[in-house]
C-alpha atoms as a PDB file:
ATOM      1  CA  MET A   1     101.254 137.357  88.794  1.00  0.00           C
ATOM      2  CA  ILE A   2     104.158 135.220  91.254  1.00  0.00           C
ATOM      3  CA  ASP A   3     107.619 135.499  89.898  1.00  0.00           C
ATOM      4  CA  LYS A   4     107.774 132.183  88.840  1.00  0.00           C
ATOM      5  CA  ALA A   5     111.668 132.176  88.238  1.00  0.00           C
ATOM      6  CA  ARG A   6     111.949 133.328  91.673  1.00  0.00           C
ATOM      7  CA  LEU A   7     109.606 130.836  92.954  1.00  0.00           C
ATOM      8  CA  GLU A   8     111.501 128.502  91.024  1.00  0.00           C
ATOM      9  CA  GLN A   9     115.249 129.500  92.585  1.00  0.00           C
ATOM     10  CA  LYS A  10     113.684 129.165  96.396  1.00  0.00           C
ATOM     11  CA  CYS A  11     112.266 125.565  95.628  1.00  0.00           C
ATOM     12  CA  SER A  12     115.960 124.466  94.264  1.00  0.00           C
ATOM     13  CA  MET A  13     117.176 125.658  97.575  1.00  0.00           C
ATOM     14  CA  TRP A  14     115.338 122.069  99.017  1.00  0.00           C
ATOM     15  CA  ASN A  15     115.792 120.378  95.528  1.00  0.00           C
ATOM     16  CA  ILE A  16     111.801 120.685  95.718  1.00  0.00           C
ATOM     17  CA  ALA A  17     111.777 120.733  91.050  1.00  0.00           C
ATOM     18  CA  LEU A  18     108.428 122.048  89.312  1.00  0.00           C
ATOM     19  CA  THR A  19     107.736 121.938  85.979  1.00  0.00           C
ATOM     20  CA  GLY A  20     106.763 124.800  83.407  1.00  0.00           C
ATOM     21  CA  THR A  21     103.147 123.401  83.638  1.00  0.00           C
ATOM     22  CA  GLN A  22     102.847 123.446  87.667  1.00  0.00           C
ATOM     23  CA  LEU A  23     104.398 126.815  87.906  1.00  0.00           C
ATOM     24  CA  ASP A  24     101.822 128.276  85.355  1.00  0.00           C
ATOM     25  CA  GLN A  25      99.170 126.413  87.819  1.00  0.00           C
ATOM     26  CA  LEU A  26     100.608 128.104  90.746  1.00  0.00           C
ATOM     27  CA  ASP A  27     100.343 131.568  89.007  1.00  0.00           C
ATOM     28  CA  ALA A  28      97.255 130.787  87.720  1.00  0.00           C
ATOM     29  CA  PHE A  29      96.198 129.488  91.060  1.00  0.00           C
ATOM     30  CA  ALA A  30      97.122 132.998  92.435  1.00  0.00           C
ATOM     31  CA  ARG A  31      95.787 135.118  90.591  1.00  0.00           C
ATOM     32  CA  ILE A  32      92.315 133.101  91.324  1.00  0.00           C
ATOM     33  CA  LEU A  33      93.095 133.279  95.104  1.00  0.00           C
ATOM     34  CA  VAL A  34      93.645 137.103  94.485  1.00  0.00           C
ATOM     35  CA  ASP A  35      90.724 137.485  92.480  1.00  0.00           C
ATOM     36  CA  TYR A  36      87.965 135.985  94.441  1.00  0.00           C
ATOM     37  CA  ASN A  37      89.649 137.101  98.037  1.00  0.00           C
ATOM     38  CA  GLN A  38      87.770 140.683  97.056  1.00  0.00           C
ATOM     39  CA  LYS A  39      85.041 139.015  97.483  1.00  0.00           C
ATOM     40  CA  VAL A  40      84.863 136.411 100.336  1.00  0.00           C
ATOM     41  CA  ASN A  41      88.113 136.444 102.742  1.00  0.00           C
ATOM     42  CA  LEU A  42      90.184 133.767 102.397  1.00  0.00           C
ATOM     43  CA  THR A  43      93.537 134.971 103.530  1.00  0.00           C
ATOM     44  CA  ALA A  44      95.414 138.325 104.343  1.00  0.00           C
ATOM     45  CA  ILE A  45      98.305 137.799 101.850  1.00  0.00           C
ATOM     46  CA  THR A  46      97.953 138.908  98.807  1.00  0.00           C
ATOM     47  CA  ASP A  47     101.405 140.519  97.276  1.00  0.00           C
ATOM     48  CA  PRO A  48     103.115 138.559  95.182  1.00  0.00           C
ATOM     49  CA  GLU A  49     106.186 137.136  97.302  1.00  0.00           C
ATOM     50  CA  GLY A  50     103.992 136.807 100.102  1.00  0.00           C
ATOM     51  CA  ILE A  51     102.232 134.296  98.326  1.00  0.00           C
ATOM     52  CA  GLU A  52     105.136 132.512  97.050  1.00  0.00           C
ATOM     53  CA  ASP A  53     106.466 132.355 100.812  1.00  0.00           C
ATOM     54  CA  LYS A  54     103.665 132.058 103.105  1.00  0.00           C
ATOM     55  CA  HIS A  55     101.191 129.789 101.150  1.00  0.00           C
ATOM     56  CA  PHE A  56     103.240 127.589  97.615  1.00  0.00           C
ATOM     57  CA  LEU A  57     106.530 127.556  99.307  1.00  0.00           C
ATOM     58  CA  ASP A  58     105.142 126.714 102.714  1.00  0.00           C
ATOM     59  CA  SER A  59     102.891 124.324 101.168  1.00  0.00           C
ATOM     60  CA  LEU A  60     105.233 122.741  98.677  1.00  0.00           C
ATOM     61  CA  LEU A  61     107.530 121.956 101.292  1.00  0.00           C
ATOM     62  CA  PHE A  62     104.761 119.814 102.880  1.00  0.00           C
ATOM     63  CA  ALA A  63     104.042 118.508  99.682  1.00  0.00           C
ATOM     64  CA  SER A  64     107.681 117.288  99.077  1.00  0.00           C
ATOM     65  CA  GLN A  65     107.543 114.877 101.585  1.00  0.00           C
ATOM     66  CA  PRO A  66     107.778 111.243 100.694  1.00  0.00           C
ATOM     67  CA  GLU A  67     105.508 109.916 103.598  1.00  0.00           C
ATOM     68  CA  VAL A  68     102.361 112.554 101.393  1.00  0.00           C
ATOM     69  CA  ALA A  69     101.036 109.851  98.637  1.00  0.00           C
ATOM     70  CA  GLY A  70      98.087 107.608  98.441  1.00  0.00           C
ATOM     71  CA  LYS A  71      94.938 109.034  99.796  1.00  0.00           C
ATOM     72  CA  MET A  72      95.058 112.683 101.255  1.00  0.00           C
ATOM     73  CA  VAL A  73      92.437 114.783 103.450  1.00  0.00           C
ATOM     74  CA  ASP A  74      93.276 118.502 104.580  1.00  0.00           C
ATOM     75  CA  VAL A  75      91.389 118.846 107.583  1.00  0.00           C
ATOM     76  CA  GLY A  76      90.396 122.506 107.572  1.00  0.00           C
ATOM     77  CA  ALA A  77      91.209 123.305 103.721  1.00  0.00           C
ATOM     78  CA  GLY A  78      90.269 127.008 104.231  1.00  0.00           C
ATOM     79  CA  ALA A  79      91.814 128.511 101.016  1.00  0.00           C
ATOM     80  CA  GLY A  80      93.392 125.764  99.550  1.00  0.00           C
ATOM     81  CA  PHE A  81      96.989 125.369 101.442  1.00  0.00           C
ATOM     82  CA  PRO A  82      98.386 123.262 101.849  1.00  0.00           C
ATOM     83  CA  GLY A  83      95.581 120.635  99.629  1.00  0.00           C
ATOM     84  CA  ILE A  84      95.499 122.613  96.312  1.00  0.00           C
ATOM     85  CA  VAL A  85      99.770 122.951  96.361  1.00  0.00           C
ATOM     86  CA  THR A  86      99.806 119.450  97.140  1.00  0.00           C
ATOM     87  CA  LYS A  87      98.106 118.074  94.232  1.00  0.00           C
ATOM     88  CA  ILE A  88      99.535 120.530  91.607  1.00  0.00           C
ATOM     89  CA  TYR A  89     103.084 119.652  92.716  1.00  0.00           C
ATOM     90  CA  LYS A  90     101.723 115.698  93.303  1.00  0.00           C
ATOM     91  CA  PRO A  91      98.822 114.631  90.248  1.00  0.00           C
ATOM     92  CA  GLU A  92      98.476 111.504  91.154  1.00  0.00           C
ATOM     93  CA  LEU A  93      97.390 112.063  94.784  1.00  0.00           C
ATOM     94  CA  GLU A  94      93.739 111.182  95.683  1.00  0.00           C
ATOM     95  CA  LEU A  95      92.499 114.071  97.305  1.00  0.00           C
ATOM     96  CA  THR A  96      89.859 115.235  99.951  1.00  0.00           C
ATOM     97  CA  LEU A  97      89.595 118.760 100.413  1.00  0.00           C
ATOM     98  CA  MET A  98      87.786 119.212 104.154  1.00  0.00           C
ATOM     99  CA  GLU A  99      86.182 122.694 105.294  1.00  0.00           C
ATOM    100  CA  PRO A 100      82.813 123.508 106.935  1.00  0.00           C
ATOM    101  CA  THR A 101      82.579 127.009 105.752  1.00  0.00           C
ATOM    102  CA  GLY A 102      80.125 127.070 102.621  1.00  0.00           C
ATOM    103  CA  LYS A 103      81.610 129.991 100.834  1.00  0.00           C
ATOM    104  CA  ARG A 104      85.123 128.531 100.863  1.00  0.00           C
ATOM    105  CA  VAL A 105      83.893 125.180 100.163  1.00  0.00           C
ATOM    106  CA  GLU A 106      82.740 126.730  96.744  1.00  0.00           C
ATOM    107  CA  PHE A 107      86.214 128.876  96.134  1.00  0.00           C
ATOM    108  CA  LEU A 108      87.961 125.295  96.633  1.00  0.00           C
ATOM    109  CA  LYS A 109      85.549 123.652  93.799  1.00  0.00           C
ATOM    110  CA  TYR A 110      85.361 126.643  91.910  1.00  0.00           C
ATOM    111  CA  ALA A 111      89.761 127.016  91.549  1.00  0.00           C
ATOM    112  CA  CYS A 112      90.297 123.398  91.461  1.00  0.00           C
ATOM    113  CA  ALA A 113      87.458 123.454  87.955  1.00  0.00           C
ATOM    114  CA  GLN A 114      89.472 126.330  86.448  1.00  0.00           C
ATOM    115  CA  LEU A 115      93.112 124.426  87.772  1.00  0.00           C
ATOM    116  CA  GLY A 116      91.990 121.585  85.676  1.00  0.00           C
ATOM    117  CA  LEU A 117      92.574 119.477  88.872  1.00  0.00           C
ATOM    118  CA  THR A 118      90.586 116.093  88.711  1.00  0.00           C
ATOM    119  CA  GLY A 119      90.723 113.256  91.643  1.00  0.00           C
ATOM    120  CA  VAL A 120      89.756 115.843  94.081  1.00  0.00           C
ATOM    121  CA  GLU A 121      86.030 115.769  96.542  1.00  0.00           C
ATOM    122  CA  PHE A 122      84.907 118.257  99.042  1.00  0.00           C
ATOM    123  CA  ALA A 123      83.695 117.635 101.634  1.00  0.00           C
ATOM    124  CA  LYS A 124      81.333 120.730 103.475  1.00  0.00           C
ATOM    125  CA  GLU A 125      81.693 119.411 107.067  1.00  0.00           C
ATOM    126  CA  ARG A 126      83.903 119.825 110.281  1.00  0.00           C
ATOM    127  CA  ALA A 127      86.138 116.747 111.380  1.00  0.00           C
ATOM    128  CA  GLU A 128      84.649 115.939 114.404  1.00  0.00           C
ATOM    129  CA  GLU A 129      81.436 114.635 112.188  1.00  0.00           C
ATOM    130  CA  ALA A 130      83.026 113.629 109.295  1.00  0.00           C
ATOM    131  CA  ALA A 131      84.576 111.367 111.566  1.00  0.00           C
ATOM    132  CA  ARG A 132      81.671 109.787 112.141  1.00  0.00           C
ATOM    133  CA  LYS A 133      80.811 109.407 108.627  1.00  0.00           C
ATOM    134  CA  VAL A 134      82.100 108.114 105.301  1.00  0.00           C
ATOM    135  CA  TRP A 135      85.173 109.774 105.552  1.00  0.00           C
ATOM    136  CA  ARG A 136      86.296 107.836 108.760  1.00  0.00           C
ATOM    137  CA  GLU A 137      89.465 105.689 108.419  1.00  0.00           C
ATOM    138  CA  GLN A 138      90.000 106.451 104.884  1.00  0.00           C
ATOM    139  CA  PHE A 139      92.818 108.359 104.772  1.00  0.00           C
ATOM    140  CA  ASP A 140      96.602 107.186 104.137  1.00  0.00           C
ATOM    141  CA  PHE A 141      97.678 110.833 104.974  1.00  0.00           C
ATOM    142  CA  ALA A 142      95.872 113.820 107.229  1.00  0.00           C
ATOM    143  CA  GLU A 143      97.058 117.043 107.631  1.00  0.00           C
ATOM    144  CA  ASP A 144      95.835 119.314 110.396  1.00  0.00           C
ATOM    145  CA  GLU A 145      97.287 122.504 111.125  1.00  0.00           C
ATOM    146  CA  ARG A 146      96.978 121.762 114.626  1.00  0.00           C
ATOM    147  CA  ALA A 147      99.366 119.290 116.879  1.00  0.00           C
ATOM    148  CA  ALA A 148      98.216 116.425 119.304  1.00  0.00           C
ATOM    149  CA  ALA A 149      99.900 115.996 122.184  1.00  0.00           C
ATOM    150  CA  ARG A 150     101.486 112.098 122.121  1.00  0.00           C
ATOM    151  CA  GLY A 151      98.975 110.900 124.916  1.00  0.00           C
ATOM    152  CA  ALA A 152      95.818 111.696 122.828  1.00  0.00           C
ATOM    153  CA  ILE A 153      97.749 110.565 119.734  1.00  0.00           C
ATOM    154  CA  LYS A 154      98.156 106.701 121.479  1.00  0.00           C
ATOM    155  CA  LYS A 155      94.552 107.218 122.921  1.00  0.00           C
ATOM    156  CA  LEU A 156      93.198 107.365 118.887  1.00  0.00           C
ATOM    157  CA  GLY A 157      95.070 104.461 117.590  1.00  0.00           C
ATOM    158  CA  GLY A 158      97.997 106.511 116.564  1.00  0.00           C
ATOM    159  CA  GLU A 159     101.494 106.148 116.950  1.00  0.00           C
ATOM    160  CA  TYR A 160     104.345 109.124 117.430  1.00  0.00           C
ATOM    161  CA  LYS A 161     106.999 108.573 114.287  1.00  0.00           C
ATOM    162  CA  GLU A 162     108.849 111.695 114.374  1.00  0.00           C
ATOM    163  CA  THR A 163     109.090 115.945 114.014  1.00  0.00           C
ATOM    164  CA  ARG A 164     110.279 117.805 111.204  1.00  0.00           C
ATOM    165  CA  THR A 165     111.148 121.397 111.508  1.00  0.00           C
ATOM    166  CA  LEU A 166     110.880 123.135 107.944  1.00  0.00           C
ATOM    167  CA  HIS A 167     112.599 126.801 107.599  1.00  0.00           C
ATOM    168  CA  LEU A 168     111.069 129.083 105.506  1.00  0.00           C
ATOM    169  CA  PRO A 169     112.378 132.240 103.709  1.00  0.00           C
ATOM    170  CA  GLY A 170     112.331 135.436 106.540  1.00  0.00           C
ATOM    171  CA  GLY A 171     113.211 132.614 109.050  1.00  0.00           C
ATOM    172  CA  ASP A 172     109.973 131.181 109.701  1.00  0.00           C
ATOM    173  CA  THR A 173     109.509 127.787 110.734  1.00  0.00           C
ATOM    174  CA  ARG A 174     107.440 124.897 110.077  1.00  0.00           C
ATOM    175  CA  THR A 175     106.640 122.169 112.345  1.00  0.00           C
ATOM    176  CA  LEU A 176     105.508 118.317 110.782  1.00  0.00           C
ATOM    177  CA  ILE A 177     104.650 115.718 113.294  1.00  0.00           C
ATOM    178  CA  LEU A 178     104.702 112.646 111.806  1.00  0.00           C
ATOM    179  CA  CYS A 179     102.545 109.306 113.626  1.00  0.00           C
ATOM    180  CA  LYS A 180     101.895 106.377 112.438  1.00  0.00           C
ATOM    181  CA  LYS A 181      98.217 104.351 111.891  1.00  0.00           C
ATOM    182  CA  ILE A 182      98.507 101.504 114.106  1.00  0.00           C
ATOM    183  CA  SER A 183      95.222 100.395 115.237  1.00  0.00           C
ATOM    184  CA  GLN A 184      91.275 101.359 115.040  1.00  0.00           C
ATOM    185  CA  THR A 185      89.989 104.258 116.693  1.00  0.00           C
ATOM    186  CA  PRO A 186      88.049 103.717 119.291  1.00  0.00           C
ATOM    187  CA  THR A 187      84.283 104.419 118.512  1.00  0.00           C
ATOM    188  CA  ALA A 188      83.771 106.864 121.158  1.00  0.00           C
ATOM    189  CA  TYR A 189      85.647 109.231 119.104  1.00  0.00           C
ATOM    190  CA  PRO A 190      85.470 111.983 118.349  1.00  0.00           C
ATOM    191  CA  ARG A 191      83.435 113.461 120.771  1.00  0.00           C
ATOM    192  CA  ASN A 192      80.606 116.539 120.381  1.00  0.00           C
ATOM    193  CA  GLY A 193      82.196 119.971 120.449  1.00  0.00           C
ATOM    194  CA  GLY A 194      81.155 120.078 124.484  1.00  0.00           C
ATOM    195  CA  LYS A 195      82.067 117.684 125.434  1.00  0.00           C
ATOM    196  CA  ILE A 196      85.977 118.417 124.047  1.00  0.00           C
ATOM    197  CA  ALA A 197      85.630 121.617 125.367  1.00  0.00           C
ATOM    198  CA  LYS A 198      84.986 120.327 129.120  1.00  0.00           C
ATOM    199  CA  SER A 199      87.672 117.425 128.830  1.00  0.00           C
ATOM    200  CA  PRO A 200      90.632 118.093 126.396  1.00  0.00           C
ATOM    201  CA  LEU A 201      91.626 114.950 125.399  1.00  0.00           C
ATOM    202  CA  LYS A 202      95.229 114.498 126.671  1.00  0.00           C
END
């Protein structure tokens, strides 16, 4: 479905090297995504080049960062970006896909099974609830689509390190905020949704 040669050429511009097996897995993932999307709304992007740029290359720019290693949780995994693509690129990664919507969790399980990915766990959880359970402070790397303020990061036991801006074809940019965990998160966090809405963490 995707143009593997075209994706490989784009990735080479960022020194991201993909094996033939990885390209085949990404192609299979694109087919699975488009097929499954007909019954469960996963993404509005279903054209081959859109998938290559907005889903795969986007995720690979993240996955290729040297800090992405060890145990990773993809918070709000949705259709599997960047989590599944990161796992394809770095098979040694221990991955947890955290997604509160049951239909999407079923898709993630199905896609990983079809792609033959191992070392993947699935958590049908909201991040605020999961942080009070077995997943609390268990990961080396978390990917979340919301950027937190420096003050909030400090309160939660983190330390801001740096911001990296990554450029996609077509002029789109992505911002990767790197933080280091330096102390335990106070037991008062995370708060429930009502408290968060009334008094956002700053």
